[in-house]
């Protein structure tokens, strides 16, 4: 009997993969989350090809460790945590090369070999990432991460608190509020 994995929730897909090694389940999880993980990696790398490589590495690590996923958070939160940690480690280990890329954000272009709809979405994502990069200059890295996870990726405050390993009582809520305040101030200056 064929099962349509597109109708399953993430938790069910993870369980199916853990129980029987269903490759369709892992492909569906990848399909659902690859764009957001790519955008996260792109925000960190500021290079399309590097972001593609980072995204692949994130999913390789995620699926290699999927048996240890215990469901205490959503799959999305778990994979974003892997993406954040992996990208930060790559950023740290590649130091100067990545810092020089951060300085070249304005020169980035989206490759034109993609389909027109994907190109349009990539252009919009690029514009959003440019705005976030500009805003990020006025925020701490944790504030920017919380802001992006909440407003772009739609994660809840509790999911962000777990993803960012916040230890204070208010979790990510304070980070989001501070980032929002700084973003508004920047937007007023731009008008």
N, C-alpha and C. Protein backbone atom coordinates (compact mmCIF):
# COMPACT_ATOMS: atom_id res chain seq x y z
N UNK A 1 0.84 -1.18 0.00
CA UNK A 1 0.00 0.00 0.00
C UNK A 1 0.89 1.25 0.00
N UNK A 2 0.66 2.13 -0.97
CA UNK A 2 1.40 3.38 -1.05
C UNK A 2 0.77 4.42 -0.12
N UNK A 3 1.62 5.12 0.60
CA UNK A 3 1.16 6.16 1.51
C UNK A 3 1.64 7.50 0.95
N UNK A 4 0.75 8.49 0.92
CA UNK A 4 1.10 9.81 0.42
C UNK A 4 1.72 10.62 1.55
N UNK A 5 3.04 10.74 1.53
CA UNK A 5 3.75 11.43 2.60
C UNK A 5 3.45 12.93 2.61
N UNK A 6 2.96 13.46 1.49
CA UNK A 6 2.65 14.90 1.43
C UNK A 6 1.51 15.28 2.35
N UNK A 7 0.70 14.30 2.76
CA UNK A 7 -0.43 14.60 3.64
C UNK A 7 -0.08 14.43 5.12
N UNK A 8 1.11 13.95 5.40
CA UNK A 8 1.54 13.69 6.78
C UNK A 8 2.15 14.94 7.40
N UNK A 9 2.02 15.04 8.72
CA UNK A 9 2.69 16.10 9.46
C UNK A 9 4.16 15.74 9.65
N UNK A 10 4.95 16.74 10.04
CA UNK A 10 6.38 16.51 10.24
C UNK A 10 6.65 15.41 11.26
N UNK A 11 5.93 15.43 12.38
CA UNK A 11 6.15 14.43 13.43
C UNK A 11 5.89 13.02 12.91
N UNK A 12 4.87 12.88 12.10
CA UNK A 12 4.55 11.57 11.52
C UNK A 12 5.63 11.13 10.53
N UNK A 13 6.14 12.08 9.76
CA UNK A 13 7.21 11.77 8.82
C UNK A 13 8.48 11.34 9.54
N UNK A 14 8.81 12.05 10.62
CA UNK A 14 10.00 11.69 11.41
C UNK A 14 9.83 10.29 11.97
N UNK A 15 8.67 10.00 12.52
CA UNK A 15 8.39 8.69 13.09
C UNK A 15 8.50 7.60 12.02
N UNK A 16 7.96 7.87 10.87
CA UNK A 16 8.01 6.90 9.77
C UNK A 16 9.46 6.64 9.34
N UNK A 17 10.25 7.70 9.31
CA UNK A 17 11.66 7.55 8.95
C UNK A 17 12.41 6.77 10.03
N UNK A 18 12.14 7.10 11.30
CA UNK A 18 12.81 6.41 12.40
C UNK A 18 12.42 4.94 12.47
N UNK A 19 11.15 4.64 12.22
CA UNK A 19 10.65 3.27 12.37
C UNK A 19 11.06 2.35 11.22
N UNK A 20 10.90 2.84 9.99
CA UNK A 20 11.12 1.94 8.85
C UNK A 20 12.13 2.48 7.83
N UNK A 21 12.76 3.61 8.15
CA UNK A 21 13.76 4.16 7.22
C UNK A 21 13.16 4.62 5.91
N UNK A 22 11.94 5.11 5.96
CA UNK A 22 11.22 5.52 4.74
C UNK A 22 11.90 6.73 4.10
N UNK A 23 12.48 6.49 2.92
CA UNK A 23 13.18 7.57 2.21
C UNK A 23 12.21 8.64 1.74
N UNK A 24 10.97 8.25 1.39
CA UNK A 24 9.98 9.25 0.98
C UNK A 24 9.73 10.25 2.10
N UNK A 25 9.77 9.79 3.34
CA UNK A 25 9.55 10.68 4.48
C UNK A 25 10.68 11.69 4.58
N UNK A 26 11.92 11.24 4.42
CA UNK A 26 13.05 12.17 4.50
C UNK A 26 13.03 13.15 3.32
N UNK A 27 12.65 12.69 2.15
CA UNK A 27 12.56 13.58 0.99
C UNK A 27 11.50 14.66 1.21
N UNK A 28 10.39 14.26 1.82
CA UNK A 28 9.31 15.23 2.08
C UNK A 28 9.74 16.25 3.14
N UNK A 29 10.41 15.80 4.18
CA UNK A 29 10.92 16.73 5.19
C UNK A 29 11.90 17.72 4.55
N UNK A 30 12.76 17.23 3.70
CA UNK A 30 13.71 18.09 2.99
C UNK A 30 12.96 19.09 2.11
N UNK A 31 11.98 18.61 1.36
CA UNK A 31 11.22 19.48 0.46
C UNK A 31 10.55 20.61 1.24
N UNK A 32 9.98 20.29 2.39
CA UNK A 32 9.26 21.28 3.19
C UNK A 32 10.17 22.33 3.81
N UNK A 33 11.36 21.95 4.19
CA UNK A 33 12.19 22.83 5.00
C UNK A 33 13.43 23.37 4.29
N UNK A 34 13.69 22.93 3.08
CA UNK A 34 14.94 23.33 2.42
C UNK A 34 15.03 24.82 2.13
N UNK A 35 13.93 25.45 1.74
CA UNK A 35 13.99 26.87 1.40
C UNK A 35 14.32 27.73 2.62
N UNK A 36 13.67 27.44 3.72
CA UNK A 36 13.94 28.24 4.93
C UNK A 36 15.34 27.99 5.46
N UNK A 37 15.78 26.75 5.41
CA UNK A 37 17.15 26.45 5.86
C UNK A 37 18.14 27.14 4.91
N UNK A 38 17.86 27.10 3.60
CA UNK A 38 18.72 27.79 2.65
C UNK A 38 18.79 29.28 2.96
N UNK A 39 17.63 29.91 3.21
CA UNK A 39 17.63 31.34 3.51
C UNK A 39 18.42 31.64 4.78
N UNK A 40 18.32 30.76 5.76
CA UNK A 40 19.11 30.92 6.99
C UNK A 40 20.60 30.87 6.65
N UNK A 41 20.99 29.87 5.88
CA UNK A 41 22.40 29.71 5.50
C UNK A 41 22.86 30.88 4.63
N UNK A 42 21.99 31.33 3.75
CA UNK A 42 22.33 32.46 2.89
C UNK A 42 22.55 33.73 3.71
N UNK A 43 21.72 33.91 4.72
CA UNK A 43 21.87 35.08 5.59
C UNK A 43 23.22 35.05 6.29
N UNK A 44 23.69 33.88 6.61
CA UNK A 44 24.98 33.75 7.28
C UNK A 44 26.15 33.86 6.29
N UNK A 45 26.02 33.23 5.12
CA UNK A 45 27.15 33.14 4.18
C UNK A 45 27.20 34.29 3.17
N UNK A 46 26.04 34.84 2.83
CA UNK A 46 25.95 35.90 1.83
C UNK A 46 26.54 35.48 0.48
N UNK A 47 26.43 34.20 0.19
CA UNK A 47 26.92 33.66 -1.07
C UNK A 47 26.02 32.49 -1.44
N UNK A 48 25.46 32.54 -2.65
CA UNK A 48 24.49 31.53 -3.07
C UNK A 48 25.07 30.12 -3.03
N UNK A 49 26.22 29.93 -3.67
CA UNK A 49 26.82 28.59 -3.73
C UNK A 49 27.21 28.08 -2.35
N UNK A 50 27.76 28.95 -1.53
CA UNK A 50 28.13 28.56 -0.16
C UNK A 50 26.88 28.17 0.64
N UNK A 51 25.79 28.93 0.44
CA UNK A 51 24.54 28.63 1.14
C UNK A 51 23.98 27.28 0.70
N UNK A 52 24.10 26.97 -0.58
CA UNK A 52 23.66 25.66 -1.08
C UNK A 52 24.46 24.55 -0.39
N UNK A 53 25.78 24.73 -0.34
CA UNK A 53 26.64 23.73 0.30
C UNK A 53 26.31 23.59 1.78
N UNK A 54 26.12 24.71 2.46
CA UNK A 54 25.78 24.67 3.89
C UNK A 54 24.44 23.98 4.10
N UNK A 55 23.47 24.28 3.25
CA UNK A 55 22.15 23.66 3.37
C UNK A 55 22.25 22.15 3.22
N UNK A 56 23.02 21.69 2.25
CA UNK A 56 23.21 20.25 2.07
C UNK A 56 23.84 19.64 3.31
N UNK A 57 24.86 20.29 3.85
CA UNK A 57 25.53 19.77 5.05
C UNK A 57 24.57 19.72 6.24
N UNK A 58 23.74 20.75 6.38
CA UNK A 58 22.77 20.78 7.48
C UNK A 58 21.85 19.57 7.38
N UNK A 59 21.33 19.30 6.19
CA UNK A 59 20.40 18.17 6.05
C UNK A 59 21.11 16.83 6.16
N UNK A 60 22.34 16.75 5.72
CA UNK A 60 23.10 15.50 5.92
C UNK A 60 23.23 15.23 7.41
N UNK A 61 23.58 16.27 8.16
CA UNK A 61 23.72 16.12 9.62
C UNK A 61 22.37 15.82 10.28
N UNK A 62 21.33 16.49 9.81
CA UNK A 62 20.01 16.28 10.39
C UNK A 62 19.55 14.84 10.18
N UNK A 63 19.66 14.33 8.96
CA UNK A 63 19.19 12.97 8.71
C UNK A 63 20.10 11.92 9.32
N UNK A 64 21.38 12.24 9.45
CA UNK A 64 22.28 11.30 10.13
C UNK A 64 21.93 11.19 11.61
N UNK A 65 21.40 12.27 12.18
CA UNK A 65 21.06 12.26 13.60
C UNK A 65 19.58 12.15 13.88
N UNK A 66 18.79 11.87 12.85
CA UNK A 66 17.33 11.85 13.03
C UNK A 66 16.86 10.78 14.01
N UNK A 67 17.62 9.72 14.15
CA UNK A 67 17.24 8.69 15.12
C UNK A 67 17.28 9.23 16.55
N UNK A 68 18.08 10.26 16.79
CA UNK A 68 18.17 10.83 18.13
C UNK A 68 17.13 11.93 18.37
N UNK A 69 16.39 12.31 17.34
CA UNK A 69 15.34 13.32 17.50
C UNK A 69 14.25 12.75 18.39
N UNK A 70 13.97 13.45 19.49
CA UNK A 70 13.02 12.90 20.47
C UNK A 70 11.67 13.61 20.50
N UNK A 71 11.47 14.59 19.64
CA UNK A 71 10.17 15.24 19.55
C UNK A 71 9.87 16.27 20.61
N UNK A 72 10.86 16.65 21.42
CA UNK A 72 10.62 17.68 22.44
C UNK A 72 10.39 19.04 21.80
N UNK A 73 10.82 19.21 20.59
CA UNK A 73 10.54 20.42 19.80
C UNK A 73 10.03 19.96 18.45
N UNK A 74 9.58 20.90 17.64
CA UNK A 74 9.14 20.54 16.30
C UNK A 74 10.37 20.19 15.45
N UNK A 75 10.15 19.48 14.37
CA UNK A 75 11.25 19.17 13.47
C UNK A 75 11.87 20.46 12.94
N UNK A 76 11.02 21.45 12.62
CA UNK A 76 11.52 22.73 12.10
C UNK A 76 12.48 23.38 13.09
N UNK A 77 12.10 23.43 14.35
CA UNK A 77 12.96 24.03 15.37
C UNK A 77 14.27 23.26 15.46
N UNK A 78 14.18 21.95 15.44
CA UNK A 78 15.36 21.10 15.55
C UNK A 78 16.31 21.32 14.38
N UNK A 79 15.78 21.36 13.16
CA UNK A 79 16.64 21.53 11.99
C UNK A 79 17.21 22.95 11.92
N UNK A 80 16.46 23.96 12.39
CA UNK A 80 16.99 25.32 12.43
C UNK A 80 18.12 25.43 13.44
N UNK A 81 17.98 24.72 14.54
CA UNK A 81 19.05 24.71 15.54
C UNK A 81 20.33 24.12 14.93
N UNK A 82 20.18 23.04 14.18
CA UNK A 82 21.33 22.44 13.50
C UNK A 82 21.91 23.43 12.51
N UNK A 83 21.05 24.10 11.74
CA UNK A 83 21.52 25.08 10.75
C UNK A 83 22.27 26.22 11.42
N UNK A 84 21.70 26.74 12.48
CA UNK A 84 22.35 27.85 13.19
C UNK A 84 23.72 27.44 13.71
N UNK A 85 23.76 26.31 14.40
CA UNK A 85 25.03 25.85 14.97
C UNK A 85 26.06 25.53 13.90
N UNK A 86 25.63 24.87 12.83
CA UNK A 86 26.56 24.51 11.77
C UNK A 86 27.10 25.76 11.08
N UNK A 87 26.22 26.71 10.78
CA UNK A 87 26.67 27.93 10.11
C UNK A 87 27.59 28.75 11.01
N UNK A 88 27.26 28.85 12.29
CA UNK A 88 28.13 29.58 13.20
C UNK A 88 29.50 28.92 13.31
N UNK A 89 29.53 27.59 13.35
CA UNK A 89 30.81 26.87 13.38
C UNK A 89 31.59 27.12 12.09
N UNK A 90 30.91 27.09 10.96
CA UNK A 90 31.58 27.35 9.69
C UNK A 90 32.10 28.79 9.65
N UNK A 91 31.29 29.72 10.14
CA UNK A 91 31.69 31.12 10.18
C UNK A 91 32.94 31.29 11.03
N UNK A 92 32.97 30.64 12.17
CA UNK A 92 34.12 30.74 13.07
C UNK A 92 35.36 30.11 12.45
N UNK A 93 35.21 28.94 11.85
CA UNK A 93 36.38 28.23 11.33
C UNK A 93 36.92 28.86 10.05
N UNK A 94 36.07 29.57 9.31
CA UNK A 94 36.53 30.16 8.06
C UNK A 94 36.79 31.65 8.18
N UNK A 95 36.65 32.18 9.38
CA UNK A 95 36.95 33.54 9.77
C UNK A 95 37.06 34.60 8.71
N UNK A 96 38.26 34.89 8.28
CA UNK A 96 38.54 36.03 7.40
C UNK A 96 37.78 35.94 6.08
N UNK A 97 37.68 34.74 5.52
CA UNK A 97 36.99 34.59 4.24
C UNK A 97 35.52 34.99 4.38
N UNK A 98 34.87 34.56 5.45
CA UNK A 98 33.47 34.89 5.67
C UNK A 98 33.31 36.36 6.00
N UNK A 99 34.21 36.93 6.80
CA UNK A 99 34.10 38.35 7.12
C UNK A 99 34.20 39.20 5.86
N UNK A 100 35.04 38.80 4.92
CA UNK A 100 35.13 39.56 3.67
C UNK A 100 33.84 39.44 2.88
N UNK A 101 33.18 38.31 2.98
CA UNK A 101 31.88 38.16 2.29
C UNK A 101 30.82 39.03 2.94
N UNK A 102 30.86 39.14 4.25
CA UNK A 102 29.89 39.98 4.93
C UNK A 102 30.00 41.42 4.46
N UNK A 103 31.19 41.85 4.13
CA UNK A 103 31.41 43.22 3.68
C UNK A 103 30.94 43.43 2.24
N UNK A 104 30.66 42.35 1.50
CA UNK A 104 30.30 42.46 0.09
C UNK A 104 28.82 42.21 -0.17
N UNK A 105 27.98 42.36 0.83
CA UNK A 105 26.56 42.04 0.69
C UNK A 105 25.90 42.78 -0.45
N UNK A 106 26.24 44.04 -0.64
CA UNK A 106 25.58 44.83 -1.67
C UNK A 106 25.88 44.34 -3.07
N UNK A 107 26.96 43.57 -3.25
CA UNK A 107 27.37 43.12 -4.58
C UNK A 107 26.76 41.79 -4.98
N UNK A 108 25.95 41.18 -4.13
CA UNK A 108 25.41 39.86 -4.42
C UNK A 108 24.32 39.91 -5.48
N UNK A 109 24.30 38.91 -6.33
CA UNK A 109 23.25 38.76 -7.32
C UNK A 109 22.75 37.32 -7.26
N UNK A 110 21.48 37.16 -7.55
CA UNK A 110 20.91 35.82 -7.60
C UNK A 110 21.19 35.25 -8.98
N UNK A 111 21.69 34.02 -9.11
CA UNK A 111 21.99 33.45 -10.42
C UNK A 111 20.74 33.38 -11.30
N UNK A 112 20.92 33.57 -12.61
CA UNK A 112 19.76 33.63 -13.51
C UNK A 112 19.46 32.30 -14.18
N UNK A 113 19.98 31.19 -13.67
CA UNK A 113 19.73 29.89 -14.27
C UNK A 113 18.48 29.22 -13.68
N UNK A 114 17.78 29.90 -12.79
CA UNK A 114 16.60 29.31 -12.16
C UNK A 114 15.35 29.68 -12.94
N UNK A 115 14.29 28.95 -12.68
CA UNK A 115 13.01 29.24 -13.31
C UNK A 115 12.52 30.60 -12.87
N UNK A 116 11.63 31.23 -13.66
CA UNK A 116 11.23 32.61 -13.38
C UNK A 116 10.56 32.77 -12.01
N UNK A 117 9.70 31.85 -11.61
CA UNK A 117 9.05 31.96 -10.29
C UNK A 117 10.07 31.83 -9.18
N UNK A 118 10.97 30.87 -9.30
CA UNK A 118 12.02 30.72 -8.30
C UNK A 118 12.91 31.95 -8.29
N UNK A 119 13.15 32.52 -9.46
CA UNK A 119 13.98 33.73 -9.56
C UNK A 119 13.31 34.88 -8.83
N UNK A 120 12.02 35.05 -9.04
CA UNK A 120 11.28 36.12 -8.37
C UNK A 120 11.34 35.94 -6.85
N UNK A 121 11.10 34.72 -6.39
CA UNK A 121 11.16 34.46 -4.95
C UNK A 121 12.57 34.67 -4.40
N UNK A 122 13.57 34.29 -5.17
CA UNK A 122 14.95 34.50 -4.74
C UNK A 122 15.28 35.98 -4.67
N UNK A 123 14.77 36.77 -5.63
CA UNK A 123 15.00 38.22 -5.60
C UNK A 123 14.35 38.83 -4.36
N UNK A 124 13.11 38.41 -4.08
CA UNK A 124 12.44 38.91 -2.88
C UNK A 124 13.20 38.50 -1.62
N UNK A 125 13.65 37.25 -1.60
CA UNK A 125 14.42 36.77 -0.45
C UNK A 125 15.72 37.57 -0.33
N UNK A 126 16.35 37.87 -1.47
CA UNK A 126 17.57 38.66 -1.45
C UNK A 126 17.34 40.06 -0.90
N UNK A 127 16.21 40.67 -1.31
CA UNK A 127 15.87 42.00 -0.79
C UNK A 127 15.63 41.92 0.71
N UNK A 128 14.90 40.90 1.14
CA UNK A 128 14.64 40.73 2.56
C UNK A 128 15.94 40.53 3.31
N UNK A 129 16.82 39.71 2.78
CA UNK A 129 18.09 39.47 3.45
C UNK A 129 18.93 40.73 3.51
N UNK A 130 18.84 41.57 2.47
CA UNK A 130 19.57 42.84 2.48
C UNK A 130 19.04 43.75 3.60
N UNK A 131 17.71 43.81 3.72
CA UNK A 131 17.11 44.61 4.79
C UNK A 131 17.51 44.05 6.15
N UNK A 132 17.48 42.73 6.28
CA UNK A 132 17.86 42.11 7.55
C UNK A 132 19.34 42.35 7.86
N UNK A 133 20.17 42.30 6.84
CA UNK A 133 21.60 42.56 7.05
C UNK A 133 21.80 43.98 7.56
N UNK A 134 21.08 44.91 6.94
CA UNK A 134 21.18 46.31 7.36
C UNK A 134 20.69 46.47 8.80
N UNK A 135 19.56 45.85 9.11
CA UNK A 135 19.02 45.93 10.47
C UNK A 135 19.94 45.24 11.46
N UNK A 136 20.56 44.15 11.02
CA UNK A 136 21.44 43.37 11.89
C UNK A 136 22.65 44.14 12.37
N UNK A 137 23.01 45.19 11.67
CA UNK A 137 24.14 46.02 12.10
C UNK A 137 23.82 46.79 13.37
N UNK A 138 22.52 46.88 13.69
CA UNK A 138 22.07 47.62 14.87
C UNK A 138 21.55 46.70 15.97
N UNK A 139 21.64 45.39 15.74
CA UNK A 139 21.14 44.40 16.70
C UNK A 139 22.26 43.45 17.09
N UNK A 140 22.11 42.84 18.25
CA UNK A 140 23.03 41.76 18.60
C UNK A 140 22.71 40.56 17.71
N UNK A 141 23.62 39.62 17.60
CA UNK A 141 23.35 38.45 16.75
C UNK A 141 22.16 37.65 17.27
N UNK A 142 22.00 37.56 18.59
CA UNK A 142 20.85 36.84 19.13
C UNK A 142 19.54 37.57 18.84
N UNK A 143 19.56 38.91 18.91
CA UNK A 143 18.35 39.67 18.59
C UNK A 143 17.97 39.45 17.12
N UNK A 144 18.97 39.50 16.24
CA UNK A 144 18.70 39.30 14.82
C UNK A 144 18.19 37.89 14.55
N UNK A 145 18.82 36.90 15.17
CA UNK A 145 18.36 35.52 15.00
C UNK A 145 16.92 35.36 15.46
N UNK A 146 16.60 35.90 16.62
CA UNK A 146 15.23 35.80 17.16
C UNK A 146 14.24 36.51 16.24
N UNK A 147 14.61 37.68 15.76
CA UNK A 147 13.76 38.47 14.87
C UNK A 147 13.46 37.69 13.58
N UNK A 148 14.50 37.12 12.97
CA UNK A 148 14.35 36.36 11.73
C UNK A 148 13.51 35.11 11.96
N UNK A 149 13.82 34.37 13.01
CA UNK A 149 13.08 33.14 13.28
C UNK A 149 11.60 33.43 13.54
N UNK A 150 11.32 34.55 14.18
CA UNK A 150 9.93 34.86 14.51
C UNK A 150 9.17 35.45 13.32
N UNK A 151 9.72 36.51 12.72
CA UNK A 151 8.97 37.22 11.69
C UNK A 151 9.12 36.64 10.29
N UNK A 152 10.26 36.06 9.97
CA UNK A 152 10.41 35.48 8.64
C UNK A 152 10.02 34.01 8.62
N UNK A 153 10.47 33.26 9.64
CA UNK A 153 10.26 31.82 9.63
C UNK A 153 9.02 31.37 10.39
N UNK A 154 8.41 32.26 11.16
CA UNK A 154 7.15 31.95 11.82
C UNK A 154 7.25 31.06 13.04
N UNK A 155 8.42 30.97 13.65
CA UNK A 155 8.55 30.16 14.86
C UNK A 155 7.94 30.88 16.05
N UNK A 156 7.44 30.12 16.99
CA UNK A 156 6.87 30.69 18.21
C UNK A 156 8.00 31.13 19.15
N UNK A 157 7.63 31.92 20.13
CA UNK A 157 8.61 32.39 21.11
C UNK A 157 9.24 31.20 21.84
N UNK A 158 8.44 30.21 22.20
CA UNK A 158 8.99 29.03 22.88
C UNK A 158 9.96 28.25 21.99
N UNK A 159 9.62 28.11 20.71
CA UNK A 159 10.53 27.42 19.80
C UNK A 159 11.84 28.18 19.64
N UNK A 160 11.75 29.50 19.58
CA UNK A 160 12.95 30.33 19.45
C UNK A 160 13.79 30.24 20.71
N UNK A 161 13.13 30.24 21.86
CA UNK A 161 13.84 30.12 23.14
C UNK A 161 14.66 28.85 23.16
N UNK A 162 14.06 27.73 22.70
CA UNK A 162 14.80 26.46 22.65
C UNK A 162 15.90 26.49 21.59
N UNK A 163 15.60 27.04 20.42
CA UNK A 163 16.57 27.07 19.33
C UNK A 163 17.81 27.87 19.70
N UNK A 164 17.60 29.01 20.35
CA UNK A 164 18.71 29.89 20.70
C UNK A 164 19.31 29.57 22.07
N UNK A 165 18.76 28.56 22.73
CA UNK A 165 19.25 28.15 24.05
C UNK A 165 19.22 29.31 25.05
N UNK A 166 18.13 30.08 25.03
CA UNK A 166 17.99 31.20 25.96
C UNK A 166 17.86 30.66 27.39
N UNK A 167 18.54 31.30 28.31
CA UNK A 167 18.52 30.83 29.69
C UNK A 167 17.77 31.77 30.63
N UNK A 168 17.46 32.98 30.18
CA UNK A 168 16.75 33.90 31.07
C UNK A 168 15.26 33.56 31.13
N UNK A 169 14.59 34.11 32.10
CA UNK A 169 13.20 33.76 32.37
C UNK A 169 12.27 34.15 31.22
N UNK A 170 12.57 35.23 30.52
CA UNK A 170 11.67 35.68 29.45
C UNK A 170 12.02 35.07 28.10
N UNK A 171 13.07 34.27 28.06
CA UNK A 171 13.42 33.57 26.82
C UNK A 171 13.65 34.52 25.67
N UNK A 172 13.12 34.16 24.54
CA UNK A 172 13.34 34.94 23.31
C UNK A 172 12.46 36.18 23.24
N UNK A 173 11.47 36.27 24.08
CA UNK A 173 10.53 37.40 24.02
C UNK A 173 11.27 38.74 24.11
N UNK A 174 12.20 38.87 25.04
CA UNK A 174 12.95 40.12 25.19
C UNK A 174 13.80 40.38 23.96
N UNK A 175 14.43 39.35 23.42
CA UNK A 175 15.23 39.52 22.21
C UNK A 175 14.38 40.04 21.06
N UNK A 176 13.20 39.47 20.88
CA UNK A 176 12.31 39.87 19.80
C UNK A 176 11.84 41.31 20.00
N UNK A 177 11.48 41.66 21.23
CA UNK A 177 11.02 43.03 21.51
C UNK A 177 12.13 44.05 21.26
N UNK A 178 13.34 43.75 21.70
CA UNK A 178 14.46 44.67 21.47
C UNK A 178 14.75 44.80 19.98
N UNK A 179 14.75 43.68 19.28
CA UNK A 179 15.01 43.71 17.83
C UNK A 179 13.92 44.50 17.11
N UNK A 180 12.68 44.29 17.48
CA UNK A 180 11.57 45.02 16.85
C UNK A 180 11.71 46.52 17.07
N UNK A 181 12.06 46.92 18.29
CA UNK A 181 12.25 48.33 18.61
C UNK A 181 13.37 48.92 17.75
N UNK A 182 14.48 48.21 17.64
CA UNK A 182 15.61 48.69 16.84
C UNK A 182 15.26 48.74 15.36
N UNK A 183 14.50 47.75 14.89
CA UNK A 183 14.10 47.72 13.49
C UNK A 183 13.20 48.91 13.17
N UNK A 184 12.25 49.21 14.04
CA UNK A 184 11.36 50.36 13.83
C UNK A 184 12.15 51.66 13.80
N UNK A 185 13.10 51.79 14.72
CA UNK A 185 13.93 53.00 14.76
C UNK A 185 14.69 53.15 13.44
N UNK A 186 15.25 52.06 12.94
CA UNK A 186 15.98 52.09 11.68
C UNK A 186 15.04 52.44 10.53
N UNK A 187 13.84 51.87 10.51
CA UNK A 187 12.87 52.13 9.45
C UNK A 187 12.46 53.60 9.44
N UNK A 188 12.29 54.20 10.62
CA UNK A 188 11.94 55.62 10.70
C UNK A 188 13.06 56.50 10.13
N UNK A 189 14.31 56.11 10.39
CA UNK A 189 15.45 56.87 9.86
C UNK A 189 15.52 56.78 8.34
N UNK A 190 15.09 55.63 7.79
CA UNK A 190 15.17 55.41 6.35
C UNK A 190 14.11 56.19 5.59
N UNK A 191 12.99 56.50 6.26
CA UNK A 191 11.89 57.22 5.58
C UNK A 191 12.22 58.63 5.23
